[in-house]
Every structure is written in structure tokens, then in C-alpha cells.
C-alpha atoms as a PDB file:
ATOM      1  CA  MET A   1      -0.003  -0.135  -0.236  1.00  0.00           C
ATOM      2  CA  LEU A   2       1.142   3.613  -1.035  1.00  0.00           C
ATOM      3  CA  ALA A   3       1.260   6.535   1.482  1.00  0.00           C
ATOM      4  CA  ILE A   4       1.663   9.970   0.767  1.00  0.00           C
ATOM      5  CA  ARG A   5       4.027  11.331   3.342  1.00  0.00           C
ATOM      6  CA  LEU A   6       5.583  14.960   4.114  1.00  0.00           C
ATOM      7  CA  GLN A   7       9.514  14.332   3.509  1.00  0.00           C
ATOM      8  CA  ARG A   8      11.291  16.837   5.443  1.00  0.00           C
ATOM      9  CA  LEU A   9      14.764  18.671   3.688  1.00  0.00           C
ATOM     10  CA  GLY A  10      16.318  21.951   4.894  1.00  0.00           C
ATOM     11  CA  ARG A  11      18.924  23.149   7.494  1.00  0.00           C
ATOM     12  CA  LYS A  12      18.284  22.875  11.016  1.00  0.00           C
ATOM     13  CA  GLY A  13      16.180  24.535  11.854  1.00  0.00           C
ATOM     14  CA  TYR A  14      14.581  25.821   9.257  1.00  0.00           C
ATOM     15  CA  PRO A  15      12.446  22.834   7.164  1.00  0.00           C
ATOM     16  CA  VAL A  16      11.282  22.474   3.947  1.00  0.00           C
ATOM     17  CA  TYR A  17       9.151  19.253   2.982  1.00  0.00           C
ATOM     18  CA  ARG A  18       8.742  17.246   0.303  1.00  0.00           C
ATOM     19  CA  VAL A  19       5.304  15.446  -0.573  1.00  0.00           C
ATOM     20  CA  ALA A  20       6.701  12.166  -1.456  1.00  0.00           C
ATOM     21  CA  VAL A  21       4.831   8.914  -2.282  1.00  0.00           C
ATOM     22  CA  GLN A  22       6.358   5.963  -0.979  1.00  0.00           C
ATOM     23  CA  GLU A  23       5.135   2.826   0.543  1.00  0.00           C
ATOM     24  CA  ALA A  24       3.276   2.800   3.481  1.00  0.00           C
ATOM     25  CA  GLN A  25       5.304   0.328   5.792  1.00  0.00           C
ATOM     26  CA  ARG A  26       8.501   2.433   5.236  1.00  0.00           C
ATOM     27  CA  SER A  27       9.592   5.880   7.246  1.00  0.00           C
ATOM     28  CA  PRO A  28       9.835   8.890   5.528  1.00  0.00           C
ATOM     29  CA  SER A  29      13.350   9.479   6.485  1.00  0.00           C
ATOM     30  CA  SER A  30      14.393   6.076   4.513  1.00  0.00           C
ATOM     31  CA  GLY A  31      13.017   4.281   2.056  1.00  0.00           C
ATOM     32  CA  ARG A  32      12.779   3.566  -1.901  1.00  0.00           C
ATOM     33  CA  VAL A  33      10.279   6.876  -2.831  1.00  0.00           C
ATOM     34  CA  VAL A  34       7.923   5.938  -5.415  1.00  0.00           C
ATOM     35  CA  ALA A  35       7.363   9.497  -7.081  1.00  0.00           C
ATOM     36  CA  TYR A  36       7.553  12.569  -5.670  1.00  0.00           C
ATOM     37  CA  VAL A  37       4.626  15.369  -5.856  1.00  0.00           C
ATOM     38  CA  GLY A  38       5.358  18.215  -4.319  1.00  0.00           C
ATOM     39  CA  THR A  39       7.002  20.807  -2.177  1.00  0.00           C
ATOM     40  CA  TYR A  40       5.918  22.624   1.540  1.00  0.00           C
ATOM     41  CA  ASN A  41       7.445  25.152   3.102  1.00  0.00           C
ATOM     42  CA  PRO A  42       6.147  25.815   6.291  1.00  0.00           C
ATOM     43  CA  HIS A  43       7.612  29.170   6.759  1.00  0.00           C
ATOM     44  CA  THR A  44       6.199  31.417   3.360  1.00  0.00           C
ATOM     45  CA  LYS A  45       3.057  28.745   3.306  1.00  0.00           C
ATOM     46  CA  GLU A  46       4.453  27.692   0.381  1.00  0.00           C
ATOM     47  CA  VAL A  47       2.859  24.808  -1.710  1.00  0.00           C
ATOM     48  CA  ASN A  48       3.957  23.338  -4.998  1.00  0.00           C
ATOM     49  CA  ILE A  49       1.589  19.794  -6.133  1.00  0.00           C
ATOM     50  CA  GLN A  50       1.208  18.232  -9.174  1.00  0.00           C
ATOM     51  CA  LYS A  51      -1.716  18.079  -9.082  1.00  0.00           C
ATOM     52  CA  ASP A  52      -2.560  15.205 -11.893  1.00  0.00           C
ATOM     53  CA  LEU A  53       0.551  12.878 -10.750  1.00  0.00           C
ATOM     54  CA  ALA A  54      -1.346  13.163  -7.027  1.00  0.00           C
ATOM     55  CA  GLN A  55      -4.483  12.750  -8.044  1.00  0.00           C
ATOM     56  CA  LYS A  56      -3.598   9.573 -10.197  1.00  0.00           C
ATOM     57  CA  TYR A  57      -2.034   8.292  -6.821  1.00  0.00           C
ATOM     58  CA  VAL A  58      -4.664   9.247  -4.838  1.00  0.00           C
ATOM     59  CA  ASP A  59      -7.248   7.561  -6.944  1.00  0.00           C
ATOM     60  CA  ASN A  60      -4.747   4.403  -7.067  1.00  0.00           C
ATOM     61  CA  GLY A  61      -5.431   4.049  -3.140  1.00  0.00           C
ATOM     62  CA  ALA A  62      -2.712   5.483  -1.861  1.00  0.00           C
ATOM     63  CA  GLN A  63      -3.216   7.703   1.689  1.00  0.00           C
ATOM     64  CA  PRO A  64      -2.325  10.848   2.769  1.00  0.00           C
ATOM     65  CA  SER A  65      -1.495  11.709   5.989  1.00  0.00           C
ATOM     66  CA  PRO A  66      -3.700  14.832   7.937  1.00  0.00           C
ATOM     67  CA  ARG A  67      -1.536  17.432   6.917  1.00  0.00           C
ATOM     68  CA  VAL A  68      -0.748  16.624   3.359  1.00  0.00           C
ATOM     69  CA  VAL A  69      -4.751  16.041   2.981  1.00  0.00           C
ATOM     70  CA  LYS A  70      -4.612  19.341   4.222  1.00  0.00           C
ATOM     71  CA  LEU A  71      -2.242  20.707   1.254  1.00  0.00           C
ATOM     72  CA  LEU A  72      -4.111  18.414  -1.548  1.00  0.00           C
ATOM     73  CA  LYS A  73      -7.417  19.909  -1.177  1.00  0.00           C
ATOM     74  CA  GLN A  74      -5.773  23.243  -0.287  1.00  0.00           C
ATOM     75  CA  SER A  75      -3.942  22.629  -4.067  1.00  0.00           C
ATOM     76  CA  GLY A  76      -7.316  21.655  -5.668  1.00  0.00           C
ATOM     77  CA  VAL A  77      -7.168  18.347  -5.548  1.00  0.00           C
ATOM     78  CA  LYS A  78     -10.207  16.366  -5.716  1.00  0.00           C
ATOM     79  CA  LEU A  79     -10.365  13.567  -2.760  1.00  0.00           C
ATOM     80  CA  PRO A  80     -11.845  10.891  -2.993  1.00  0.00           C
ATOM     81  CA  SER A  81     -14.692  10.446  -0.027  1.00  0.00           C
ATOM     82  CA  TRP A  82     -12.608   7.260   2.093  1.00  0.00           C
ATOM     83  CA  VAL A  83     -10.149  10.076   2.609  1.00  0.00           C
ATOM     84  CA  LYS A  84     -10.575  11.228   6.288  1.00  0.00           C
ATOM     85  CA  GLU A  85     -10.129  14.912   6.606  1.00  0.00           C
ATOM     86  CA  HIS A  86      -8.787  16.511   9.894  1.00  0.00           C
ATOM     87  CA  ASP A  87     -11.224  19.275  11.829  1.00  0.00           C
ATOM     88  CA  GLY A  88      -8.108  20.508  13.164  1.00  0.00           C
ATOM     89  CA  LYS A  89      -9.725  21.031  17.001  1.00  0.00           C
ATOM     90  CA  LYS A  90      -7.186  19.441  18.889  1.00  0.00           C
ATOM     91  CA  THR A  91      -8.811  17.626  22.222  1.00  0.00           C
ATOM     92  CA  LYS A  92      -7.158  16.365  24.557  1.00  0.00           C
ATOM     93  CA  SER A  93      -8.454  13.681  26.458  1.00  0.00           C
ATOM     94  CA  ILE A  94      -8.366  14.149  30.523  1.00  0.00           C
ATOM     95  CA  ARG A  95      -7.934  10.736  32.276  1.00  0.00           C
ATOM     96  CA  ASN A  96      -9.916  11.019  35.795  1.00  0.00           C
ATOM     97  CA  ALA A  97     -11.250  14.116  35.245  1.00  0.00           C
ATOM     98  CA  GLU A  98     -13.597  13.847  38.508  1.00  0.00           C
ATOM     99  CA  LYS A  99     -10.516  13.902  40.613  1.00  0.00           C
ATOM    100  CA  LEU A 100      -9.753  17.038  39.341  1.00  0.00           C
ATOM    101  CA  ARG A 101      -9.820  20.198  41.224  1.00  0.00           C
ATOM    102  CA  LYS A 102     -12.006  22.257  39.731  1.00  0.00           C
ATOM    103  CA  ASN A 103     -14.413  19.421  39.425  1.00  0.00           C
ATOM    104  CA  GLN A 104     -14.710  18.402  42.682  1.00  0.00           C
ATOM    105  CA  PRO A 105     -18.178  19.429  44.587  1.00  0.00           C
ATOM    106  CA  LYS A 106     -17.861  23.226  46.956  1.00  0.00           C
ATOM    107  CA  GLU A 107     -18.626  21.426  49.615  1.00  0.00           C
ATOM    108  CA  ALA A 108     -15.303  19.553  49.533  1.00  0.00           C
ATOM    109  CA  ALA A 109     -13.705  22.931  50.046  1.00  0.00           C
ATOM    110  CA  GLU A 110     -15.696  23.410  53.204  1.00  0.00           C
ATOM    111  CA  GLU A 111     -14.950  19.997  54.652  1.00  0.00           C
ATOM    112  CA  PRO A 112     -11.366  20.831  55.781  1.00  0.00           C
ATOM    113  CA  ALA A 113     -12.326  23.972  57.331  1.00  0.00           C
ATOM    114  CA  GLU A 114     -14.668  21.774  59.544  1.00  0.00           C
ATOM    115  CA  ALA A 115     -11.688  19.762  60.557  1.00  0.00           C
ATOM    116  CA  PRO A 116     -10.168  21.212  62.736  1.00  0.00           C
ATOM    117  CA  ALA A 117     -13.775  21.737  64.564  1.00  0.00           C
ATOM    118  CA  GLU A 118     -13.419  18.072  64.995  1.00  0.00           C
ATOM    119  CA  ALA A 119     -10.349  17.992  66.486  1.00  0.00           C
ATOM    120  CA  GLU A 120     -11.940  20.167  69.781  1.00  0.00           C
ATOM    121  CA  LYS A 121     -14.834  17.459  69.779  1.00  0.00           C
ATOM    122  CA  PRO A 122     -12.937  13.784  70.816  1.00  0.00           C
ATOM    123  CA  ALA A 123     -11.483  16.265  73.648  1.00  0.00           C
ATOM    124  CA  GLU A 124     -15.475  16.939  74.918  1.00  0.00           C
ATOM    125  CA  ALA A 125     -15.887  12.863  74.602  1.00  0.00           C
ATOM    126  CA  PRO A 126     -13.642  12.046  77.510  1.00  0.00           C
ATOM    127  CA  GLU A 127     -16.557  13.536  79.790  1.00  0.00           C
ATOM    128  CA  GLU A 128     -19.368  11.901  78.295  1.00  0.00           C
ATOM    129  CA  PRO A 129     -18.414   8.240  79.114  1.00  0.00           C
ATOM    130  CA  ALA A 130     -17.894   9.517  82.832  1.00  0.00           C
ATOM    131  CA  LYS A 131     -21.527  10.154  82.791  1.00  0.00           C
ATOM    132  CA  GLU A 132     -22.361   7.132  81.460  1.00  0.00           C
ATOM    133  CA  ALA A 133     -20.219   5.094  84.337  1.00  0.00           C
ATOM    134  CA  ASP A 134     -22.930   7.400  86.246  1.00  0.00           C
ATOM    135  CA  ALA A 135     -26.102   6.095  84.645  1.00  0.00           C
ATOM    136  CA  PRO A 136     -25.195   2.489  85.652  1.00  0.00           C
ATOM    137  CA  ALA A 137     -25.065   3.333  89.493  1.00  0.00           C
ATOM    138  CA  GLU A 138     -28.817   5.454  89.035  1.00  0.00           C
ATOM    139  CA  ALA A 139     -29.546   2.485  87.362  1.00  0.00           C
ATOM    140  CA  ASP A 140     -28.682   0.111  90.080  1.00  0.00           C
ATOM    141  CA  LYS A 141     -30.517   2.766  92.808  1.00  0.00           C
ATOM    142  CA  ALA A 142     -33.464   2.700  90.589  1.00  0.00           C
ATOM    143  CA  GLU A 143     -33.467  -0.687  91.355  1.00  0.00           C
ATOM    144  CA  ALA A 144     -32.941  -1.396  94.533  1.00  0.00           C
ATOM    145  CA  GLU A 145     -35.904   0.847  95.923  1.00  0.00           C
ATOM    146  CA  THR A 146     -38.716  -0.683  93.680  1.00  0.00           C
ATOM    147  CA  ALA A 147     -37.222  -3.779  94.851  1.00  0.00           C
ATOM    148  CA  ALA A 148     -37.504  -2.270  98.585  1.00  0.00           C
END
């Protein structure tokens, strides 16, 4: 299967690309190129594509990369219906979005403020068991009075 890709040329920091038709299993920088159909300079946004040659390879089933699809459409090559066109919107899915701080309910922010108040409650707790210890003694007195 053939692919239409961009092949990087140019010096360091100043890339210029060739639009190359090559086998899909090979990487763009190495491998046998079937044909060169054009060039693309991203700095000047200059696109030179041989329309009839590009149209021939696309009609015969060559898969264009997303950037090449954009360049082919820009230069007027008619693309078949099976070619996927990229919508241009970059959406990044976030894993576990419910864990984000901005997605937490506002009550969760108030809970840490209540935590110190809860720390004071255990200090009061020892007083309550003392009252409970007195309660059985009072119950014994009530039983003794009823028995007498």
C-alpha cells in the first residue's frame, strides 16, 4: 500500500518538505520513494503540488497523511470519500476528570475548615463516658428502691 507523506529537507531549524509517495511500511526519511509530487515550505506557506500526478496516486489508493490532505485540498486535488479529513480541533482527553480540583463540589472545600472543629470534639468525648459510668449506678439505685 502506498502513502503520501511529507519528507523533511532543509537545514537545521529551517525545515522544507517534499510531498513523497512511498510504501506505507517504510519511514519517510528512509526507504524507496515511488514519486515526488510536490514541495511545502511551512515558513512561507508555499505549496507546489503536481495536481495530475497527485490525483493519479490518490485515485489508485495512496493514503495521504492528515497534513498532506490539507495541502492537497488547498491546491485543488479532488479527494475520494474514503480519505479522512482532519477537523483541525485538537482535543485532549483527560483521564479521571472527576478528580480535578475544579470539578470537585464546593462542599469539599468547606470540609477541611470543619476538620479542626472535629479535632476539638474528641477532647469533649472523655467527659461523656464519665456520665455513662454514673448512669449504671443510678440504674442500680432505682432497682434497689423498686425491690424494697
